[in-house]
Amino acid sequence: MLNKKIWLSMGLIGLVAGGAGLATFAYLTAQRTTSTNKFTAGTLDLDVVGDHGSKLEPFVIDNMGDNANISGTKSWTIKNTGSLPGRLLVRLQNVVNKENGCANDQETAAEPDCSDVTKDGELGNVIDLKVGLDSQDLANSTLATAQTAKLGDDWNALTPIVLQPNESRTLNAHWATDETQYGNEVQGDGVQFDMNIRLIQLINGPTPSN
């Protein structure tokens, strides 16, 4: 009887030990820790180089009317120098038409109030500016002060033009007016403006204003 109790006790001890072992194995885990986690922002940058290699060079037209048809062209190399693709946008800013007073009797006869230098000059109204890429015109506007937003709005309506990192395109500007579109009222007048060229990060959202 004693031997039977001893064996029974040993059997119970074995069951308890086995149960303890099962409980231990149920909680075994393995883990890894990622270290040196980083967030790095991409970059978006733009390089604009003119015909003669200088950056952001303006185009200046003096003594317009040397020939009757006012016309000309200018080009820039546009390059995405960042690490992200960007949408190219172009617009006019700070368009100012200057009425520089009465240049001579001919302007006075054509425009009796030409001495009023607070009003806009007429030159920008008759110059049509076309802007495009790789010799293809994509948007246009006159250089009238009231039409400052038109070129940017037209460009914004185009199928998005995307520059990938390190991609270059040629931006062209052409301006012209026919000899029949102006008279002595533009004598001595001037027009100046900025051409704003931007890259906008591509996002799944509304079209950025231009």
C-alpha atoms as a PDB file:
ATOM      1  CA  MET A   1       0.000   0.000   0.000  1.00  0.00           C
ATOM      2  CA  LEU A   2       2.872   2.307   0.872  1.00  0.00           C
ATOM      3  CA  ASN A   3       4.566   1.700  -2.482  1.00  0.00           C
ATOM      4  CA  LYS A   4       1.316   2.449  -4.289  1.00  0.00           C
ATOM      5  CA  LYS A   5       1.020   5.825  -2.465  1.00  0.00           C
ATOM      6  CA  ILE A   6       4.625   6.662  -3.292  1.00  0.00           C
ATOM      7  CA  TRP A   7       4.108   5.947  -6.985  1.00  0.00           C
ATOM      8  CA  LEU A   8       0.843   7.902  -6.968  1.00  0.00           C
ATOM      9  CA  SER A   9       2.562  10.879  -5.350  1.00  0.00           C
ATOM     10  CA  MET A  10       5.400  10.752  -7.856  1.00  0.00           C
ATOM     11  CA  GLY A  11       2.843  10.605 -10.661  1.00  0.00           C
ATOM     12  CA  LEU A  12       1.071  13.693  -9.331  1.00  0.00           C
ATOM     13  CA  ILE A  13       4.393  15.522  -9.043  1.00  0.00           C
ATOM     14  CA  GLY A  14       5.149  14.601 -12.656  1.00  0.00           C
ATOM     15  CA  LEU A  15       1.781  15.948 -13.826  1.00  0.00           C
ATOM     16  CA  VAL A  16       2.275  19.194 -11.955  1.00  0.00           C
ATOM     17  CA  ALA A  17       5.792  19.559 -13.343  1.00  0.00           C
ATOM     18  CA  GLY A  18       4.515  18.858 -16.846  1.00  0.00           C
ATOM     19  CA  GLY A  19       1.783  21.464 -16.434  1.00  0.00           C
ATOM     20  CA  ALA A  20       4.298  24.011 -15.248  1.00  0.00           C
ATOM     21  CA  GLY A  21       6.426  23.316 -18.292  1.00  0.00           C
ATOM     22  CA  LEU A  22       3.488  23.867 -20.642  1.00  0.00           C
ATOM     23  CA  ALA A  23       2.688  27.171 -19.025  1.00  0.00           C
ATOM     24  CA  THR A  24       6.290  28.325 -19.446  1.00  0.00           C
ATOM     25  CA  PHE A  25       6.482  27.509 -23.135  1.00  0.00           C
ATOM     26  CA  ALA A  26       3.177  29.268 -23.826  1.00  0.00           C
ATOM     27  CA  TYR A  27       4.774  32.632 -22.954  1.00  0.00           C
ATOM     28  CA  LEU A  28       7.999  32.323 -24.904  1.00  0.00           C
ATOM     29  CA  THR A  29       8.328  35.273 -27.358  1.00  0.00           C
ATOM     30  CA  ALA A  30      10.819  36.623 -29.826  1.00  0.00           C
ATOM     31  CA  GLN A  31      11.290  40.288 -30.717  1.00  0.00           C
ATOM     32  CA  ARG A  32      13.478  42.623 -32.728  1.00  0.00           C
ATOM     33  CA  THR A  33      13.914  46.364 -32.206  1.00  0.00           C
ATOM     34  CA  THR A  34      14.381  48.713 -35.156  1.00  0.00           C
ATOM     35  CA  SER A  35      16.866  51.398 -34.298  1.00  0.00           C
ATOM     36  CA  THR A  36      18.001  54.645 -35.921  1.00  0.00           C
ATOM     37  CA  ASN A  37      14.609  55.312 -37.497  1.00  0.00           C
ATOM     38  CA  LYS A  38      14.537  58.399 -39.708  1.00  0.00           C
ATOM     39  CA  PHE A  39      12.179  60.581 -41.708  1.00  0.00           C
ATOM     40  CA  THR A  40      13.932  62.324 -44.601  1.00  0.00           C
ATOM     41  CA  ALA A  41      12.089  64.970 -46.606  1.00  0.00           C
ATOM     42  CA  GLY A  42      12.525  65.031 -50.362  1.00  0.00           C
ATOM     43  CA  THR A  43      13.585  68.229 -52.082  1.00  0.00           C
ATOM     44  CA  LEU A  44      12.068  70.327 -54.804  1.00  0.00           C
ATOM     45  CA  ASP A  45      14.289  72.918 -56.457  1.00  0.00           C
ATOM     46  CA  LEU A  46      14.479  74.694 -59.782  1.00  0.00           C
ATOM     47  CA  ASP A  47      17.265  76.012 -61.981  1.00  0.00           C
ATOM     48  CA  VAL A  48      16.552  78.620 -64.679  1.00  0.00           C
ATOM     49  CA  VAL A  49      19.336  79.420 -67.150  1.00  0.00           C
ATOM     50  CA  GLY A  50      18.980  81.941 -69.969  1.00  0.00           C
ATOM     51  CA  ASP A  51      20.212  81.883 -73.546  1.00  0.00           C
ATOM     52  CA  HIS A  52      23.632  83.207 -72.590  1.00  0.00           C
ATOM     53  CA  GLY A  53      24.199  80.991 -69.573  1.00  0.00           C
ATOM     54  CA  SER A  54      23.237  83.483 -66.882  1.00  0.00           C
ATOM     55  CA  LYS A  55      20.444  82.717 -64.427  1.00  0.00           C
ATOM     56  CA  LEU A  56      17.211  84.665 -64.368  1.00  0.00           C
ATOM     57  CA  GLU A  57      18.348  87.129 -66.994  1.00  0.00           C
ATOM     58  CA  PRO A  58      15.533  89.455 -68.138  1.00  0.00           C
ATOM     59  CA  PHE A  59      14.682  90.276 -71.693  1.00  0.00           C
ATOM     60  CA  VAL A  60      14.830  93.974 -72.476  1.00  0.00           C
ATOM     61  CA  ILE A  61      13.467  95.491 -75.675  1.00  0.00           C
ATOM     62  CA  ASP A  62      14.481  99.074 -76.344  1.00  0.00           C
ATOM     63  CA  ASN A  63      13.399 101.408 -79.171  1.00  0.00           C
ATOM     64  CA  MET A  64      10.422  99.281 -80.120  1.00  0.00           C
ATOM     65  CA  GLY A  65       9.141 100.284 -83.514  1.00  0.00           C
ATOM     66  CA  ASP A  66      12.555 100.007 -85.174  1.00  0.00           C
ATOM     67  CA  ASN A  67      10.591  97.960 -87.645  1.00  0.00           C
ATOM     68  CA  ALA A  68       6.834  98.096 -87.845  1.00  0.00           C
ATOM     69  CA  ASN A  69       6.224  94.544 -86.638  1.00  0.00           C
ATOM     70  CA  ILE A  70       7.214  94.223 -82.983  1.00  0.00           C
ATOM     71  CA  SER A  71       8.397  90.663 -82.400  1.00  0.00           C
ATOM     72  CA  GLY A  72      11.051  88.609 -80.663  1.00  0.00           C
ATOM     73  CA  THR A  73      11.794  85.450 -78.729  1.00  0.00           C
ATOM     74  CA  LYS A  74      13.604  84.325 -75.586  1.00  0.00           C
ATOM     75  CA  SER A  75      14.313  80.903 -74.105  1.00  0.00           C
ATOM     76  CA  TRP A  76      15.462  79.458 -70.782  1.00  0.00           C
ATOM     77  CA  THR A  77      16.562  75.989 -69.722  1.00  0.00           C
ATOM     78  CA  ILE A  78      14.375  74.818 -66.837  1.00  0.00           C
ATOM     79  CA  LYS A  79      15.750  71.972 -64.685  1.00  0.00           C
ATOM     80  CA  ASN A  80      14.340  70.149 -61.678  1.00  0.00           C
ATOM     81  CA  THR A  81      17.388  69.986 -59.411  1.00  0.00           C
ATOM     82  CA  GLY A  82      15.547  68.355 -56.500  1.00  0.00           C
ATOM     83  CA  SER A  83      14.817  64.736 -55.637  1.00  0.00           C
ATOM     84  CA  LEU A  84      11.033  64.864 -56.124  1.00  0.00           C
ATOM     85  CA  PRO A  85       8.949  65.226 -59.288  1.00  0.00           C
ATOM     86  CA  GLY A  86       7.308  68.622 -59.596  1.00  0.00           C
ATOM     87  CA  ARG A  87       4.555  70.213 -61.638  1.00  0.00           C
ATOM     88  CA  LEU A  88       5.798  73.168 -63.694  1.00  0.00           C
ATOM     89  CA  LEU A  89       3.744  76.357 -63.477  1.00  0.00           C
ATOM     90  CA  VAL A  90       4.329  79.685 -65.232  1.00  0.00           C
ATOM     91  CA  ARG A  91       2.580  82.994 -64.652  1.00  0.00           C
ATOM     92  CA  LEU A  92       3.015  86.737 -65.099  1.00  0.00           C
ATOM     93  CA  GLN A  93       3.393  89.024 -62.118  1.00  0.00           C
ATOM     94  CA  ASN A  94       3.832  92.737 -61.465  1.00  0.00           C
ATOM     95  CA  VAL A  95       2.731  93.831 -64.934  1.00  0.00           C
ATOM     96  CA  VAL A  96       3.090  97.619 -65.114  1.00  0.00           C
ATOM     97  CA  ASN A  97       2.219  99.683 -68.185  1.00  0.00           C
ATOM     98  CA  LYS A  98       3.848 103.074 -67.969  1.00  0.00           C
ATOM     99  CA  GLU A  99       2.441 106.194 -69.535  1.00  0.00           C
ATOM    100  CA  ASN A 100       5.645 108.218 -69.667  1.00  0.00           C
ATOM    101  CA  GLY A 101       4.043 111.498 -70.648  1.00  0.00           C
ATOM    102  CA  CYS A 102       3.684 112.928 -74.109  1.00  0.00           C
ATOM    103  CA  ALA A 103       6.690 111.909 -76.169  1.00  0.00           C
ATOM    104  CA  ASN A 104       5.949 114.377 -78.973  1.00  0.00           C
ATOM    105  CA  ASP A 105       3.185 116.198 -80.849  1.00  0.00           C
ATOM    106  CA  GLN A 106       2.243 112.996 -82.650  1.00  0.00           C
ATOM    107  CA  GLU A 107       1.417 111.188 -79.402  1.00  0.00           C
ATOM    108  CA  THR A 108      -0.418 114.236 -78.096  1.00  0.00           C
ATOM    109  CA  ALA A 109      -2.592 114.333 -81.213  1.00  0.00           C
ATOM    110  CA  ALA A 110      -3.408 110.644 -80.937  1.00  0.00           C
ATOM    111  CA  GLU A 111      -3.809 110.696 -77.137  1.00  0.00           C
ATOM    112  CA  PRO A 112      -4.689 114.124 -75.732  1.00  0.00           C
ATOM    113  CA  ASP A 113      -4.396 112.959 -72.100  1.00  0.00           C
ATOM    114  CA  CYS A 114      -0.941 111.379 -72.516  1.00  0.00           C
ATOM    115  CA  SER A 115       0.439 113.828 -69.942  1.00  0.00           C
ATOM    116  CA  ASP A 116      -1.469 111.933 -67.218  1.00  0.00           C
ATOM    117  CA  VAL A 117       1.291 109.594 -66.009  1.00  0.00           C
ATOM    118  CA  THR A 118      -1.002 108.065 -63.360  1.00  0.00           C
ATOM    119  CA  LYS A 119      -2.911 106.106 -65.991  1.00  0.00           C
ATOM    120  CA  ASP A 120      -1.745 102.949 -67.753  1.00  0.00           C
ATOM    121  CA  GLY A 121       0.170 103.222 -70.985  1.00  0.00           C
ATOM    122  CA  GLU A 122      -1.098 101.481 -74.094  1.00  0.00           C
ATOM    123  CA  LEU A 123       1.947  99.496 -75.196  1.00  0.00           C
ATOM    124  CA  GLY A 124       1.177  96.302 -73.273  1.00  0.00           C
ATOM    125  CA  ASN A 125      -2.323  96.149 -74.735  1.00  0.00           C
ATOM    126  CA  VAL A 126      -0.966  95.519 -78.223  1.00  0.00           C
ATOM    127  CA  ILE A 127       1.795  93.012 -77.433  1.00  0.00           C
ATOM    128  CA  ASP A 128       0.790  89.350 -77.506  1.00  0.00           C
ATOM    129  CA  LEU A 129       3.034  87.124 -75.395  1.00  0.00           C
ATOM    130  CA  LYS A 130       3.098  83.372 -76.032  1.00  0.00           C
ATOM    131  CA  VAL A 131       4.850  80.997 -73.617  1.00  0.00           C
ATOM    132  CA  GLY A 132       5.518  77.308 -74.158  1.00  0.00           C
ATOM    133  CA  LEU A 133       7.920  74.408 -73.929  1.00  0.00           C
ATOM    134  CA  ASP A 134      10.380  73.014 -76.456  1.00  0.00           C
ATOM    135  CA  SER A 135       9.233  75.443 -79.188  1.00  0.00           C
ATOM    136  CA  GLN A 136       5.537  74.616 -78.739  1.00  0.00           C
ATOM    137  CA  ASP A 137       3.357  77.536 -77.599  1.00  0.00           C
ATOM    138  CA  LEU A 138       1.053  76.541 -74.734  1.00  0.00           C
ATOM    139  CA  ALA A 139      -0.436  79.740 -73.268  1.00  0.00           C
ATOM    140  CA  ASN A 140      -0.715  83.362 -74.281  1.00  0.00           C
ATOM    141  CA  SER A 141      -1.813  86.777 -73.089  1.00  0.00           C
ATOM    142  CA  THR A 142      -1.375  90.404 -73.935  1.00  0.00           C
ATOM    143  CA  LEU A 143       0.759  92.463 -71.568  1.00  0.00           C
ATOM    144  CA  ALA A 144      -2.185  94.617 -70.546  1.00  0.00           C
ATOM    145  CA  THR A 145      -2.210  95.165 -66.791  1.00  0.00           C
ATOM    146  CA  ALA A 146      -5.801  93.924 -66.586  1.00  0.00           C
ATOM    147  CA  GLN A 147      -4.770  90.596 -68.131  1.00  0.00           C
ATOM    148  CA  THR A 148      -1.987  89.793 -65.663  1.00  0.00           C
ATOM    149  CA  ALA A 149      -3.682  86.564 -64.510  1.00  0.00           C
ATOM    150  CA  LYS A 150      -4.639  85.192 -67.938  1.00  0.00           C
ATOM    151  CA  LEU A 151      -1.394  83.433 -68.860  1.00  0.00           C
ATOM    152  CA  GLY A 152      -1.179  81.704 -65.474  1.00  0.00           C
ATOM    153  CA  ASP A 153      -4.838  80.655 -65.638  1.00  0.00           C
ATOM    154  CA  ASP A 154      -4.375  79.219 -69.140  1.00  0.00           C
ATOM    155  CA  TRP A 155      -1.226  77.362 -68.070  1.00  0.00           C
ATOM    156  CA  ASN A 156      -3.009  75.981 -65.021  1.00  0.00           C
ATOM    157  CA  ALA A 157      -5.711  74.516 -67.283  1.00  0.00           C
ATOM    158  CA  LEU A 158      -3.171  72.493 -69.293  1.00  0.00           C
ATOM    159  CA  THR A 159      -2.602  68.800 -68.749  1.00  0.00           C
ATOM    160  CA  PRO A 160      -0.086  68.931 -65.857  1.00  0.00           C
ATOM    161  CA  ILE A 161       3.507  69.276 -67.040  1.00  0.00           C
ATOM    162  CA  VAL A 162       5.720  67.259 -64.691  1.00  0.00           C
ATOM    163  CA  LEU A 163       9.499  67.497 -64.414  1.00  0.00           C
ATOM    164  CA  GLN A 164      11.156  64.458 -62.913  1.00  0.00           C
ATOM    165  CA  PRO A 165      14.314  64.893 -60.802  1.00  0.00           C
ATOM    166  CA  ASN A 166      17.196  66.094 -63.024  1.00  0.00           C
ATOM    167  CA  GLU A 167      14.873  66.529 -66.013  1.00  0.00           C
ATOM    168  CA  SER A 168      15.334  69.654 -68.163  1.00  0.00           C
ATOM    169  CA  ARG A 169      12.954  71.393 -70.547  1.00  0.00           C
ATOM    170  CA  THR A 170      13.282  74.545 -72.652  1.00  0.00           C
ATOM    171  CA  LEU A 171      10.865  77.336 -71.788  1.00  0.00           C
ATOM    172  CA  ASN A 172      10.139  79.670 -74.713  1.00  0.00           C
ATOM    173  CA  ALA A 173       8.624  83.147 -74.796  1.00  0.00           C
ATOM    174  CA  HIS A 174       7.525  84.824 -78.054  1.00  0.00           C
ATOM    175  CA  TRP A 175       6.082  88.309 -78.324  1.00  0.00           C
ATOM    176  CA  ALA A 176       4.643  90.062 -81.335  1.00  0.00           C
ATOM    177  CA  THR A 177       2.222  92.655 -82.599  1.00  0.00           C
ATOM    178  CA  ASP A 178       1.265  93.581 -86.107  1.00  0.00           C
ATOM    179  CA  GLU A 179       1.921  97.067 -87.460  1.00  0.00           C
ATOM    180  CA  THR A 180      -1.805  97.563 -87.869  1.00  0.00           C
ATOM    181  CA  GLN A 181      -2.484  97.034 -84.160  1.00  0.00           C
ATOM    182  CA  TYR A 182      -0.988 100.261 -82.800  1.00  0.00           C
ATOM    183  CA  GLY A 183      -0.428 103.907 -83.590  1.00  0.00           C
ATOM    184  CA  ASN A 184       1.199 107.026 -82.178  1.00  0.00           C
ATOM    185  CA  GLU A 185      -0.486 106.530 -78.803  1.00  0.00           C
ATOM    186  CA  VAL A 186       2.234 104.017 -77.809  1.00  0.00           C
ATOM    187  CA  GLN A 187       5.131 106.376 -78.486  1.00  0.00           C
ATOM    188  CA  GLY A 188       7.328 106.660 -75.406  1.00  0.00           C
ATOM    189  CA  ASP A 189       5.212 104.158 -73.441  1.00  0.00           C
ATOM    190  CA  GLY A 190       6.777 101.264 -71.566  1.00  0.00           C
ATOM    191  CA  VAL A 191       5.737  97.947 -70.075  1.00  0.00           C
ATOM    192  CA  GLN A 192       7.524  95.791 -67.519  1.00  0.00           C
ATOM    193  CA  PHE A 193       6.618  92.490 -65.885  1.00  0.00           C
ATOM    194  CA  ASP A 194       7.975  89.463 -64.052  1.00  0.00           C
ATOM    195  CA  MET A 195       7.676  85.921 -65.337  1.00  0.00           C
ATOM    196  CA  ASN A 196       7.271  83.586 -62.388  1.00  0.00           C
ATOM    197  CA  ILE A 197       8.376  79.962 -62.923  1.00  0.00           C
ATOM    198  CA  ARG A 198       7.591  77.421 -60.209  1.00  0.00           C
ATOM    199  CA  LEU A 199       7.695  73.717 -59.426  1.00  0.00           C
ATOM    200  CA  ILE A 200       4.868  72.468 -57.216  1.00  0.00           C
ATOM    201  CA  GLN A 201       5.138  69.147 -55.390  1.00  0.00           C
ATOM    202  CA  LEU A 202       2.789  66.522 -56.813  1.00  0.00           C
ATOM    203  CA  ILE A 203       0.041  65.645 -54.350  1.00  0.00           C
ATOM    204  CA  ASN A 204      -3.343  63.965 -54.537  1.00  0.00           C
ATOM    205  CA  GLY A 205      -5.305  67.116 -53.962  1.00  0.00           C
ATOM    206  CA  PRO A 206      -6.828  70.141 -55.653  1.00  0.00           C
ATOM    207  CA  THR A 207      -5.019  71.880 -58.489  1.00  0.00           C
ATOM    208  CA  PRO A 208      -2.780  74.614 -57.014  1.00  0.00           C
ATOM    209  CA  SER A 209      -3.706  78.138 -57.922  1.00  0.00           C
ATOM    210  CA  ASN A 210      -1.472  79.877 -60.418  1.00  0.00           C
END
